[in-house]
Amino acid sequence: MPSPIQTKRPDVAMNIRELATLTKTSIADAIAIAVRSQLAIERVKANAQLTKKRKAAELALAELRSLPVVGPDVSNKDVTPSRIPATFFPYQLVYHSATPRSCPSHISGSPT
């Protein structure tokens, strides 16, 4: 009598037994071999997809780097909120550490 296989799919149990018979291994070994085989295939696929994404990112970055540089270099000092015109922001800025009196009127929303 074959050893029981706990599955709700009889076709899977039959395939496992057939694989064990063909490979002349136990059911547990046949399952382990099949799982390892499928894992190897899936890892290769995942690696290929990752390689494809990396290549696309490298191409996009190369294109970006090939664009001409226009204007002066920008530093962190140039992009602080106090240096950006108030008309740039569609919504009112909120600074938690600042009081309305210490903020310029265009930032705090207080009337001038």
PDB file of N, CA and C in Angstrom:
ATOM      1  N   MET A   1       0.849  -1.177   0.000  1.00  0.00           N
ATOM      2  CA  MET A   1       0.000   0.000   0.000  1.00  0.00           C
ATOM      3  C   MET A   1       0.894   1.239   0.000  1.00  0.00           C
ATOM      4  N   PRO A   2       0.631   2.179  -0.928  1.00  0.00           N
ATOM      5  CA  PRO A   2       1.461   3.383  -0.980  1.00  0.00           C
ATOM      6  C   PRO A   2       1.227   4.263   0.248  1.00  0.00           C
ATOM      7  N   SER A   3       2.269   4.968   0.638  1.00  0.00           N
ATOM      8  CA  SER A   3       2.115   5.846   1.801  1.00  0.00           C
ATOM      9  C   SER A   3       1.196   7.020   1.442  1.00  0.00           C
ATOM     10  N   PRO A   4       0.397   7.456   2.428  1.00  0.00           N
ATOM     11  CA  PRO A   4      -0.563   8.514   2.138  1.00  0.00           C
ATOM     12  C   PRO A   4       0.125   9.859   1.904  1.00  0.00           C
ATOM     13  N   ILE A   5      -0.459  10.623   1.000  1.00  0.00           N
ATOM     14  CA  ILE A   5       0.018  11.979   0.721  1.00  0.00           C
ATOM     15  C   ILE A   5      -1.122  12.912   1.078  1.00  0.00           C
ATOM     16  N   GLN A   6      -0.862  13.865   1.950  1.00  0.00           N
ATOM     17  CA  GLN A   6      -1.889  14.781   2.424  1.00  0.00           C
ATOM     18  C   GLN A   6      -2.072  15.935   1.438  1.00  0.00           C
ATOM     19  N   THR A   7      -3.028  15.782   0.554  1.00  0.00           N
ATOM     20  CA  THR A   7      -3.379  16.844  -0.384  1.00  0.00           C
ATOM     21  C   THR A   7      -4.835  16.677  -0.772  1.00  0.00           C
ATOM     22  N   LYS A   8      -5.480  17.768  -1.096  1.00  0.00           N
ATOM     23  CA  LYS A   8      -6.876  17.709  -1.512  1.00  0.00           C
ATOM     24  C   LYS A   8      -6.992  17.492  -3.009  1.00  0.00           C
ATOM     25  N   ARG A   9      -5.853  17.426  -3.685  1.00  0.00           N
ATOM     26  CA  ARG A   9      -5.863  17.241  -5.137  1.00  0.00           C
ATOM     27  C   ARG A   9      -5.285  15.869  -5.480  1.00  0.00           C
ATOM     28  N   PRO A  10      -6.143  14.944  -5.876  1.00  0.00           N
ATOM     29  CA  PRO A  10      -5.679  13.589  -6.199  1.00  0.00           C
ATOM     30  C   PRO A  10      -4.684  13.553  -7.358  1.00  0.00           C
ATOM     31  N   ASP A  11      -4.806  14.465  -8.308  1.00  0.00           N
ATOM     32  CA  ASP A  11      -3.876  14.476  -9.438  1.00  0.00           C
ATOM     33  C   ASP A  11      -2.453  14.803  -8.981  1.00  0.00           C
ATOM     34  N   VAL A  12      -2.339  15.663  -7.959  1.00  0.00           N
ATOM     35  CA  VAL A  12      -1.020  16.010  -7.434  1.00  0.00           C
ATOM     36  C   VAL A  12      -0.403  14.800  -6.739  1.00  0.00           C
ATOM     37  N   ALA A  13      -1.196  14.100  -5.955  1.00  0.00           N
ATOM     38  CA  ALA A  13      -0.698  12.895  -5.271  1.00  0.00           C
ATOM     39  C   ALA A  13      -0.227  11.862  -6.292  1.00  0.00           C
ATOM     40  N   MET A  14      -0.991  11.713  -7.362  1.00  0.00           N
ATOM     41  CA  MET A  14      -0.628  10.757  -8.401  1.00  0.00           C
ATOM     42  C   MET A  14       0.689  11.177  -9.080  1.00  0.00           C
ATOM     43  N   ASN A  15       0.843  12.469  -9.348  1.00  0.00           N
ATOM     44  CA  ASN A  15       2.071  12.965  -9.982  1.00  0.00           C
ATOM     45  C   ASN A  15       3.275  12.786  -9.068  1.00  0.00           C
ATOM     46  N   ILE A  16       3.083  12.996  -7.780  1.00  0.00           N
ATOM     47  CA  ILE A  16       4.188  12.819  -6.822  1.00  0.00           C
ATOM     48  C   ILE A  16       4.624  11.358  -6.800  1.00  0.00           C
ATOM     49  N   ARG A  17       3.658  10.459  -6.754  1.00  0.00           N
ATOM     50  CA  ARG A  17       3.998   9.023  -6.743  1.00  0.00           C
ATOM     51  C   ARG A  17       4.717   8.623  -8.027  1.00  0.00           C
ATOM     52  N   GLU A  18       4.244   9.151  -9.153  1.00  0.00           N
ATOM     53  CA  GLU A  18       4.877   8.833 -10.433  1.00  0.00           C
ATOM     54  C   GLU A  18       6.316   9.354 -10.463  1.00  0.00           C
ATOM     55  N   LEU A  19       6.523  10.585  -9.971  1.00  0.00           N
ATOM     56  CA  LEU A  19       7.866  11.147  -9.936  1.00  0.00           C
ATOM     57  C   LEU A  19       8.781  10.323  -9.033  1.00  0.00           C
ATOM     58  N   ALA A  20       8.265   9.890  -7.893  1.00  0.00           N
ATOM     59  CA  ALA A  20       9.055   9.061  -6.981  1.00  0.00           C
ATOM     60  C   ALA A  20       9.425   7.737  -7.639  1.00  0.00           C
ATOM     61  N   THR A  21       8.496   7.159  -8.362  1.00  0.00           N
ATOM     62  CA  THR A  21       8.754   5.890  -9.045  1.00  0.00           C
ATOM     63  C   THR A  21       9.799   6.067 -10.145  1.00  0.00           C
ATOM     64  N   LEU A  22       9.620   7.111 -10.971  1.00  0.00           N
ATOM     65  CA  LEU A  22      10.542   7.336 -12.087  1.00  0.00           C
ATOM     66  C   LEU A  22      11.958   7.681 -11.619  1.00  0.00           C
ATOM     67  N   THR A  23      12.049   8.402 -10.515  1.00  0.00           N
ATOM     68  CA  THR A  23      13.373   8.790 -10.014  1.00  0.00           C
ATOM     69  C   THR A  23      13.937   7.766  -9.034  1.00  0.00           C
ATOM     70  N   LYS A  24      13.130   6.761  -8.721  1.00  0.00           N
ATOM     71  CA  LYS A  24      13.526   5.703  -7.785  1.00  0.00           C
ATOM     72  C   LYS A  24      13.962   6.294  -6.443  1.00  0.00           C
ATOM     73  N   THR A  25      13.152   7.220  -5.941  1.00  0.00           N
ATOM     74  CA  THR A  25      13.415   7.857  -4.653  1.00  0.00           C
ATOM     75  C   THR A  25      12.151   7.774  -3.803  1.00  0.00           C
ATOM     76  N   SER A  26      12.284   8.177  -2.562  1.00  0.00           N
ATOM     77  CA  SER A  26      11.107   8.215  -1.697  1.00  0.00           C
ATOM     78  C   SER A  26      10.222   9.399  -2.105  1.00  0.00           C
ATOM     79  N   ILE A  27       9.010   9.392  -1.594  1.00  0.00           N
ATOM     80  CA  ILE A  27       8.081  10.494  -1.892  1.00  0.00           C
ATOM     81  C   ILE A  27       8.656  11.812  -1.382  1.00  0.00           C
ATOM     82  N   ALA A  28       9.194  11.799  -0.185  1.00  0.00           N
ATOM     83  CA  ALA A  28       9.769  13.028   0.374  1.00  0.00           C
ATOM     84  C   ALA A  28      10.926  13.537  -0.480  1.00  0.00           C
ATOM     85  N   ASP A  29      11.782  12.635  -0.928  1.00  0.00           N
ATOM     86  CA  ASP A  29      12.903  13.044  -1.777  1.00  0.00           C
ATOM     87  C   ASP A  29      12.423  13.543  -3.138  1.00  0.00           C
ATOM     88  N   ALA A  30      11.408  12.898  -3.689  1.00  0.00           N
ATOM     89  CA  ALA A  30      10.856  13.331  -4.974  1.00  0.00           C
ATOM     90  C   ALA A  30      10.278  14.742  -4.861  1.00  0.00           C
ATOM     91  N   ILE A  31       9.579  15.002  -3.763  1.00  0.00           N
ATOM     92  CA  ILE A  31       9.032  16.342  -3.542  1.00  0.00           C
ATOM     93  C   ILE A  31      10.158  17.350  -3.387  1.00  0.00           C
ATOM     94  N   ALA A  32      11.180  16.999  -2.611  1.00  0.00           N
ATOM     95  CA  ALA A  32      12.314  17.901  -2.398  1.00  0.00           C
ATOM     96  C   ALA A  32      13.017  18.220  -3.715  1.00  0.00           C
ATOM     97  N   ILE A  33      13.223  17.189  -4.541  1.00  0.00           N
ATOM     98  CA  ILE A  33      13.881  17.390  -5.842  1.00  0.00           C
ATOM     99  C   ILE A  33      13.032  18.310  -6.721  1.00  0.00           C
ATOM    100  N   ALA A  34      11.728  18.059  -6.764  1.00  0.00           N
ATOM    101  CA  ALA A  34      10.832  18.867  -7.595  1.00  0.00           C
ATOM    102  C   ALA A  34      10.800  20.322  -7.125  1.00  0.00           C
ATOM    103  N   VAL A  35      10.742  20.507  -5.821  1.00  0.00           N
ATOM    104  CA  VAL A  35      10.700  21.868  -5.278  1.00  0.00           C
ATOM    105  C   VAL A  35      12.009  22.585  -5.577  1.00  0.00           C
ATOM    106  N   ARG A  36      13.136  21.912  -5.365  1.00  0.00           N
ATOM    107  CA  ARG A  36      14.428  22.540  -5.641  1.00  0.00           C
ATOM    108  C   ARG A  36      14.578  22.880  -7.123  1.00  0.00           C
ATOM    109  N   SER A  37      14.105  21.988  -7.979  1.00  0.00           N
ATOM    110  CA  SER A  37      14.153  22.232  -9.425  1.00  0.00           C
ATOM    111  C   SER A  37      13.354  23.469  -9.798  1.00  0.00           C
ATOM    112  N   GLN A  38      12.134  23.532  -9.306  1.00  0.00           N
ATOM    113  CA  GLN A  38      11.264  24.659  -9.622  1.00  0.00           C
ATOM    114  C   GLN A  38      11.826  25.954  -9.026  1.00  0.00           C
ATOM    115  N   LEU A  39      12.375  25.869  -7.819  1.00  0.00           N
ATOM    116  CA  LEU A  39      12.997  27.051  -7.214  1.00  0.00           C
ATOM    117  C   LEU A  39      14.155  27.568  -8.063  1.00  0.00           C
ATOM    118  N   ALA A  40      14.955  26.679  -8.580  1.00  0.00           N
ATOM    119  CA  ALA A  40      16.075  27.084  -9.435  1.00  0.00           C
ATOM    120  C   ALA A  40      15.565  27.806 -10.679  1.00  0.00           C
ATOM    121  N   ILE A  41      14.516  27.279 -11.280  1.00  0.00           N
ATOM    122  CA  ILE A  41      13.927  27.909 -12.470  1.00  0.00           C
ATOM    123  C   ILE A  41      13.388  29.295 -12.123  1.00  0.00           C
ATOM    124  N   GLU A  42      12.656  29.393 -11.026  1.00  0.00           N
ATOM    125  CA  GLU A  42      12.069  30.674 -10.627  1.00  0.00           C
ATOM    126  C   GLU A  42      13.129  31.700 -10.252  1.00  0.00           C
ATOM    127  N   ARG A  43      14.212  31.245  -9.638  1.00  0.00           N
ATOM    128  CA  ARG A  43      15.300  32.164  -9.293  1.00  0.00           C
ATOM    129  C   ARG A  43      15.964  32.718 -10.551  1.00  0.00           C
ATOM    130  N   VAL A  44      16.144  31.882 -11.552  1.00  0.00           N
ATOM    131  CA  VAL A  44      16.726  32.338 -12.818  1.00  0.00           C
ATOM    132  C   VAL A  44      15.800  33.378 -13.456  1.00  0.00           C
ATOM    133  N   LYS A  45      14.495  33.105 -13.453  1.00  0.00           N
ATOM    134  CA  LYS A  45      13.532  34.066 -14.016  1.00  0.00           C
ATOM    135  C   LYS A  45      13.571  35.393 -13.264  1.00  0.00           C
ATOM    136  N   ALA A  46      13.579  35.316 -11.938  1.00  0.00           N
ATOM    137  CA  ALA A  46      13.595  36.529 -11.122  1.00  0.00           C
ATOM    138  C   ALA A  46      14.881  37.318 -11.366  1.00  0.00           C
ATOM    139  N   ASN A  47      15.998  36.620 -11.473  1.00  0.00           N
ATOM    140  CA  ASN A  47      17.280  37.270 -11.736  1.00  0.00           C
ATOM    141  C   ASN A  47      17.268  37.932 -13.111  1.00  0.00           C
ATOM    142  N   ALA A  48      16.674  37.263 -14.093  1.00  0.00           N
ATOM    143  CA  ALA A  48      16.597  37.832 -15.444  1.00  0.00           C
ATOM    144  C   ALA A  48      15.743  39.096 -15.443  1.00  0.00           C
ATOM    145  N   GLN A  49      14.630  39.068 -14.705  1.00  0.00           N
ATOM    146  CA  GLN A  49      13.781  40.252 -14.620  1.00  0.00           C
ATOM    147  C   GLN A  49      14.511  41.387 -13.926  1.00  0.00           C
ATOM    148  N   LEU A  50      15.228  41.071 -12.852  1.00  0.00           N
ATOM    149  CA  LEU A  50      15.982  42.094 -12.134  1.00  0.00           C
ATOM    150  C   LEU A  50      17.078  42.677 -13.017  1.00  0.00           C
ATOM    151  N   THR A  51      17.756  41.824 -13.771  1.00  0.00           N
ATOM    152  CA  THR A  51      18.796  42.286 -14.681  1.00  0.00           C
ATOM    153  C   THR A  51      18.206  43.200 -15.743  1.00  0.00           C
ATOM    154  N   LYS A  52      17.034  42.845 -16.248  1.00  0.00           N
ATOM    155  CA  LYS A  52      16.359  43.668 -17.260  1.00  0.00           C
ATOM    156  C   LYS A  52      15.996  45.040 -16.677  1.00  0.00           C
ATOM    157  N   LYS A  53      15.492  45.064 -15.443  1.00  0.00           N
ATOM    158  CA  LYS A  53      15.142  46.335 -14.800  1.00  0.00           C
ATOM    159  C   LYS A  53      16.382  47.186 -14.544  1.00  0.00           C
ATOM    160  N   ARG A  54      17.458  46.533 -14.104  1.00  0.00           N
ATOM    161  CA  ARG A  54      18.703  47.275 -13.869  1.00  0.00           C
ATOM    162  C   ARG A  54      19.225  47.884 -15.162  1.00  0.00           C
ATOM    163  N   LYS A  55      19.171  47.116 -16.242  1.00  0.00           N
ATOM    164  CA  LYS A  55      19.635  47.600 -17.547  1.00  0.00           C
ATOM    165  C   LYS A  55      18.811  48.801 -17.987  1.00  0.00           C
ATOM    166  N   ALA A  56      17.490  48.742 -17.800  1.00  0.00           N
ATOM    167  CA  ALA A  56      16.621  49.856 -18.160  1.00  0.00           C
ATOM    168  C   ALA A  56      16.949  51.086 -17.315  1.00  0.00           C
ATOM    169  N   ALA A  57      17.215  50.879 -16.033  1.00  0.00           N
ATOM    170  CA  ALA A  57      17.577  51.990 -15.156  1.00  0.00           C
ATOM    171  C   ALA A  57      18.915  52.590 -15.571  1.00  0.00           C
ATOM    172  N   GLU A  58      19.872  51.743 -15.921  1.00  0.00           N
ATOM    173  CA  GLU A  58      21.182  52.230 -16.364  1.00  0.00           C
ATOM    174  C   GLU A  58      21.056  53.033 -17.653  1.00  0.00           C
ATOM    175  N   LEU A  59      20.215  52.568 -18.579  1.00  0.00           N
ATOM    176  CA  LEU A  59      20.000  53.303 -19.828  1.00  0.00           C
ATOM    177  C   LEU A  59      19.347  54.653 -19.572  1.00  0.00           C
ATOM    178  N   ALA A  60      18.358  54.680 -18.686  1.00  0.00           N
ATOM    179  CA  ALA A  60      17.686  55.934 -18.351  1.00  0.00           C
ATOM    180  C   ALA A  60      18.670  56.893 -17.682  1.00  0.00           C
ATOM    181  N   LEU A  61      19.489  56.381 -16.785  1.00  0.00           N
ATOM    182  CA  LEU A  61      20.473  57.213 -16.114  1.00  0.00           C
ATOM    183  C   LEU A  61      21.522  57.729 -17.100  1.00  0.00           C
ATOM    184  N   ALA A  62      21.946  56.884 -18.030  1.00  0.00           N
ATOM    185  CA  ALA A  62      22.912  57.319 -19.046  1.00  0.00           C
ATOM    186  C   ALA A  62      22.311  58.424 -19.913  1.00  0.00           C
ATOM    187  N   GLU A  63      21.043  58.276 -20.252  1.00  0.00           N
ATOM    188  CA  GLU A  63      20.371  59.324 -21.038  1.00  0.00           C
ATOM    189  C   GLU A  63      20.290  60.614 -20.248  1.00  0.00           C
ATOM    190  N   LEU A  64      19.940  60.510 -18.982  1.00  0.00           N
ATOM    191  CA  LEU A  64      19.846  61.689 -18.123  1.00  0.00           C
ATOM    192  C   LEU A  64      21.205  62.368 -18.000  1.00  0.00           C
ATOM    193  N   ARG A  65      22.240  61.577 -17.830  1.00  0.00           N
ATOM    194  CA  ARG A  65      23.586  62.146 -17.697  1.00  0.00           C
ATOM    195  C   ARG A  65      24.092  62.760 -18.997  1.00  0.00           C
ATOM    196  N   SER A  66      23.542  62.308 -20.131  1.00  0.00           N
ATOM    197  CA  SER A  66      23.983  62.845 -21.413  1.00  0.00           C
ATOM    198  C   SER A  66      23.342  64.193 -21.735  1.00  0.00           C
ATOM    199  N   LEU A  67      22.304  64.575 -20.999  1.00  0.00           N
ATOM    200  CA  LEU A  67      21.641  65.853 -21.246  1.00  0.00           C
ATOM    201  C   LEU A  67      22.559  66.998 -20.855  1.00  0.00           C
ATOM    202  N   PRO A  68      22.456  68.111 -21.570  1.00  0.00           N
ATOM    203  CA  PRO A  68      23.310  69.249 -21.222  1.00  0.00           C
ATOM    204  C   PRO A  68      22.898  69.864 -19.888  1.00  0.00           C
ATOM    205  N   VAL A  69      23.862  70.405 -19.179  1.00  0.00           N
ATOM    206  CA  VAL A  69      23.604  71.090 -17.917  1.00  0.00           C
ATOM    207  C   VAL A  69      23.283  72.539 -18.257  1.00  0.00           C
ATOM    208  N   VAL A  70      22.130  72.998 -17.798  1.00  0.00           N
ATOM    209  CA  VAL A  70      21.701  74.355 -18.096  1.00  0.00           C
ATOM    210  C   VAL A  70      21.622  75.138 -16.798  1.00  0.00           C
ATOM    211  N   GLY A  71      22.221  76.298 -16.765  1.00  0.00           N
ATOM    212  CA  GLY A  71      22.139  77.146 -15.588  1.00  0.00           C
ATOM    213  C   GLY A  71      23.227  76.831 -14.586  1.00  0.00           C
ATOM    214  N   PRO A  72      23.253  77.622 -13.511  1.00  0.00           N
ATOM    215  CA  PRO A  72      24.289  77.430 -12.495  1.00  0.00           C
ATOM    216  C   PRO A  72      24.011  76.192 -11.647  1.00  0.00           C
ATOM    217  N   ASP A  73      25.043  75.748 -10.960  1.00  0.00           N
ATOM    218  CA  ASP A  73      24.866  74.632 -10.034  1.00  0.00           C
ATOM    219  C   ASP A  73      23.915  75.049  -8.926  1.00  0.00           C
ATOM    220  N   VAL A  74      23.141  74.106  -8.416  1.00  0.00           N
ATOM    221  CA  VAL A  74      22.170  74.369  -7.361  1.00  0.00           C
ATOM    222  C   VAL A  74      22.656  73.692  -6.089  1.00  0.00           C
ATOM    223  N   SER A  75      22.650  74.429  -4.987  1.00  0.00           N
ATOM    224  CA  SER A  75      23.046  73.855  -3.709  1.00  0.00           C
ATOM    225  C   SER A  75      21.821  73.732  -2.814  1.00  0.00           C
ATOM    226  N   ASN A  76      21.974  73.091  -1.661  1.00  0.00           N
ATOM    227  CA  ASN A  76      20.871  72.972  -0.709  1.00  0.00           C
ATOM    228  C   ASN A  76      20.379  74.347  -0.272  1.00  0.00           C
ATOM    229  N   LYS A  77      21.303  75.294  -0.182  1.00  0.00           N
ATOM    230  CA  LYS A  77      20.958  76.645   0.243  1.00  0.00           C
ATOM    231  C   LYS A  77      19.970  77.282  -0.754  1.00  0.00           C
ATOM    232  N   ASP A  78      20.093  76.915  -2.030  1.00  0.00           N
ATOM    233  CA  ASP A  78      19.233  77.498  -3.062  1.00  0.00           C
ATOM    234  C   ASP A  78      17.812  76.954  -3.046  1.00  0.00           C
ATOM    235  N   VAL A  79      17.600  75.795  -2.444  1.00  0.00           N
ATOM    236  CA  VAL A  79      16.265  75.193  -2.481  1.00  0.00           C
ATOM    237  C   VAL A  79      15.568  75.179  -1.131  1.00  0.00           C
ATOM    238  N   THR A  80      16.049  75.968  -0.188  1.00  0.00           N
ATOM    239  CA  THR A  80      15.367  76.061   1.101  1.00  0.00           C
ATOM    240  C   THR A  80      14.076  76.837   0.901  1.00  0.00           C
ATOM    241  N   PRO A  81      13.035  76.548   1.675  1.00  0.00           N
ATOM    242  CA  PRO A  81      11.742  77.211   1.480  1.00  0.00           C
ATOM    243  C   PRO A  81      11.810  78.731   1.539  1.00  0.00           C
ATOM    244  N   SER A  82      12.742  79.294   2.301  1.00  0.00           N
ATOM    245  CA  SER A  82      12.805  80.750   2.387  1.00  0.00           C
ATOM    246  C   SER A  82      13.289  81.382   1.081  1.00  0.00           C
ATOM    247  N   ARG A  83      13.959  80.615   0.224  1.00  0.00           N
ATOM    248  CA  ARG A  83      14.483  81.148  -1.036  1.00  0.00           C
ATOM    249  C   ARG A  83      13.546  80.901  -2.216  1.00  0.00           C
ATOM    250  N   ILE A  84      12.513  80.070  -2.014  1.00  0.00           N
ATOM    251  CA  ILE A  84      11.582  79.751  -3.095  1.00  0.00           C
ATOM    252  C   ILE A  84      10.424  80.737  -3.025  1.00  0.00           C
ATOM    253  N   PRO A  85      10.041  81.358  -4.134  1.00  0.00           N
ATOM    254  CA  PRO A  85       8.950  82.333  -4.095  1.00  0.00           C
ATOM    255  C   PRO A  85       7.650  81.698  -3.616  1.00  0.00           C
ATOM    256  N   ALA A  86       6.853  82.473  -2.890  1.00  0.00           N
ATOM    257  CA  ALA A  86       5.596  81.963  -2.346  1.00  0.00           C
ATOM    258  C   ALA A  86       4.648  81.552  -3.449  1.00  0.00           C
ATOM    259  N   THR A  87       4.730  82.168  -4.601  1.00  0.00           N
ATOM    260  CA  THR A  87       3.831  81.826  -5.703  1.00  0.00           C
ATOM    261  C   THR A  87       4.119  80.438  -6.258  1.00  0.00           C
ATOM    262  N   PHE A  88       5.250  79.875  -5.905  1.00  0.00           N
ATOM    263  CA  PHE A  88       5.608  78.532  -6.367  1.00  0.00           C
ATOM    264  C   PHE A  88       4.734  77.465  -5.726  1.00  0.00           C
ATOM    265  N   PHE A  89       4.287  77.723  -4.493  1.00  0.00           N
ATOM    266  CA  PHE A  89       3.524  76.735  -3.742  1.00  0.00           C
ATOM    267  C   PHE A  89       2.026  76.979  -3.894  1.00  0.00           C
ATOM    268  N   PRO A  90       1.266  75.993  -4.329  1.00  0.00           N
ATOM    269  CA  PRO A  90      -0.176  76.189  -4.457  1.00  0.00           C
ATOM    270  C   PRO A  90      -0.895  76.188  -3.108  1.00  0.00           C
ATOM    271  N   TYR A  91      -0.250  75.694  -2.071  1.00  0.00           N
ATOM    272  CA  TYR A  91      -0.869  75.620  -0.750  1.00  0.00           C
ATOM    273  C   TYR A  91       0.000  76.345   0.264  1.00  0.00           C
ATOM    274  N   GLN A  92      -0.612  76.744   1.342  1.00  0.00           N
ATOM    275  CA  GLN A  92       0.108  77.453   2.389  1.00  0.00           C
ATOM    276  C   GLN A  92       1.091  76.509   3.080  1.00  0.00           C
ATOM    277  N   LEU A  93       2.300  76.992   3.316  1.00  0.00           N
ATOM    278  CA  LEU A  93       3.294  76.194   4.023  1.00  0.00           C
ATOM    279  C   LEU A  93       3.043  76.265   5.519  1.00  0.00           C
ATOM    280  N   VAL A  94       3.302  75.171   6.204  1.00  0.00           N
ATOM    281  CA  VAL A  94       3.139  75.137   7.648  1.00  0.00           C
ATOM    282  C   VAL A  94       4.468  74.733   8.251  1.00  0.00           C
ATOM    283  N   TYR A  95       5.012  75.568   9.125  1.00  0.00           N
ATOM    284  CA  TYR A  95       6.246  75.261   9.816  1.00  0.00           C
ATOM    285  C   TYR A  95       5.914  75.076  11.286  1.00  0.00           C
ATOM    286  N   HIS A  96       6.152  73.891  11.796  1.00  0.00           N
ATOM    287  CA  HIS A  96       5.794  73.584  13.175  1.00  0.00           C
ATOM    288  C   HIS A  96       6.705  74.288  14.184  1.00  0.00           C
ATOM    289  N   SER A  97       7.942  74.536  13.809  1.00  0.00           N
ATOM    290  CA  SER A  97       8.881  75.117  14.762  1.00  0.00           C
ATOM    291  C   SER A  97       8.842  76.643  14.747  1.00  0.00           C
ATOM    292  N   ALA A  98       8.131  77.237  13.814  1.00  0.00           N
ATOM    293  CA  ALA A  98       8.132  78.691  13.699  1.00  0.00           C
ATOM    294  C   ALA A  98       6.824  79.276  14.224  1.00  0.00           C
ATOM    295  N   THR A  99       6.920  80.442  14.763  1.00  0.00           N
ATOM    296  CA  THR A  99       5.714  81.157  15.200  1.00  0.00           C
ATOM    297  C   THR A  99       5.309  82.111  14.092  1.00  0.00           C
ATOM    298  N   PRO A 100       4.044  82.526  14.039  1.00  0.00           N
ATOM    299  CA  PRO A 100       3.622  83.430  12.966  1.00  0.00           C
ATOM    300  C   PRO A 100       4.420  84.732  12.920  1.00  0.00           C
ATOM    301  N   ARG A 101       4.905  85.214  14.058  1.00  0.00           N
ATOM    302  CA  ARG A 101       5.651  86.470  14.060  1.00  0.00           C
ATOM    303  C   ARG A 101       7.051  86.305  13.472  1.00  0.00           C
ATOM    304  N   SER A 102       7.622  85.089  13.582  1.00  0.00           N
ATOM    305  CA  SER A 102       8.979  84.898  13.075  1.00  0.00           C
ATOM    306  C   SER A 102       9.008  84.505  11.604  1.00  0.00           C
ATOM    307  N   CYS A 103       7.825  84.179  11.026  1.00  0.00           N
ATOM    308  CA  CYS A 103       7.766  83.790   9.625  1.00  0.00           C
ATOM    309  C   CYS A 103       7.427  84.993   8.762  1.00  0.00           C
ATOM    310  N   PRO A 104       7.960  85.055   7.576  1.00  0.00           N
ATOM    311  CA  PRO A 104       7.529  86.095   6.644  1.00  0.00           C
ATOM    312  C   PRO A 104       6.040  85.933   6.352  1.00  0.00           C
ATOM    313  N   SER A 105       5.385  87.005   6.007  1.00  0.00           N
ATOM    314  CA  SER A 105       3.934  86.955   5.819  1.00  0.00           C
ATOM    315  C   SER A 105       3.523  85.995   4.717  1.00  0.00           C
ATOM    316  N   HIS A 106       4.342  85.834   3.676  1.00  0.00           N
ATOM    317  CA  HIS A 106       3.942  84.939   2.592  1.00  0.00           C
ATOM    318  C   HIS A 106       4.026  83.476   3.007  1.00  0.00           C
ATOM    319  N   ILE A 107       4.735  83.169   4.092  1.00  0.00           N
ATOM    320  CA  ILE A 107       4.829  81.785   4.555  1.00  0.00           C
ATOM    321  C   ILE A 107       3.806  81.508   5.645  1.00  0.00           C
ATOM    322  N   SER A 108       3.661  82.397   6.591  1.00  0.00           N
ATOM    323  CA  SER A 108       2.772  82.140   7.716  1.00  0.00           C
ATOM    324  C   SER A 108       1.305  82.398   7.385  1.00  0.00           C
ATOM    325  N   GLY A 109       1.071  83.195   6.340  1.00  0.00           N
ATOM    326  CA  GLY A 109      -0.306  83.494   5.981  1.00  0.00           C
ATOM    327  C   GLY A 109      -0.846  84.692   6.736  1.00  0.00           C
ATOM    328  N   SER A 110      -0.034  85.334   7.575  1.00  0.00           N
ATOM    329  CA  SER A 110      -0.513  86.484   8.322  1.00  0.00           C
ATOM    330  C   SER A 110      -0.509  87.700   7.412  1.00  0.00           C
ATOM    331  N   PRO A 111      -1.424  88.612   7.612  1.00  0.00           N
ATOM    332  CA  PRO A 111      -1.489  89.798   6.752  1.00  0.00           C
ATOM    333  C   PRO A 111      -0.273  90.691   6.952  1.00  0.00           C
ATOM    334  N   THR A 112       0.063  91.429   5.928  1.00  0.00           N
ATOM    335  CA  THR A 112       1.227  92.322   6.009  1.00  0.00           C
ATOM    336  C   THR A 112       0.858  93.654   6.606  1.00  0.00           C
TER     337      THR A 112
END
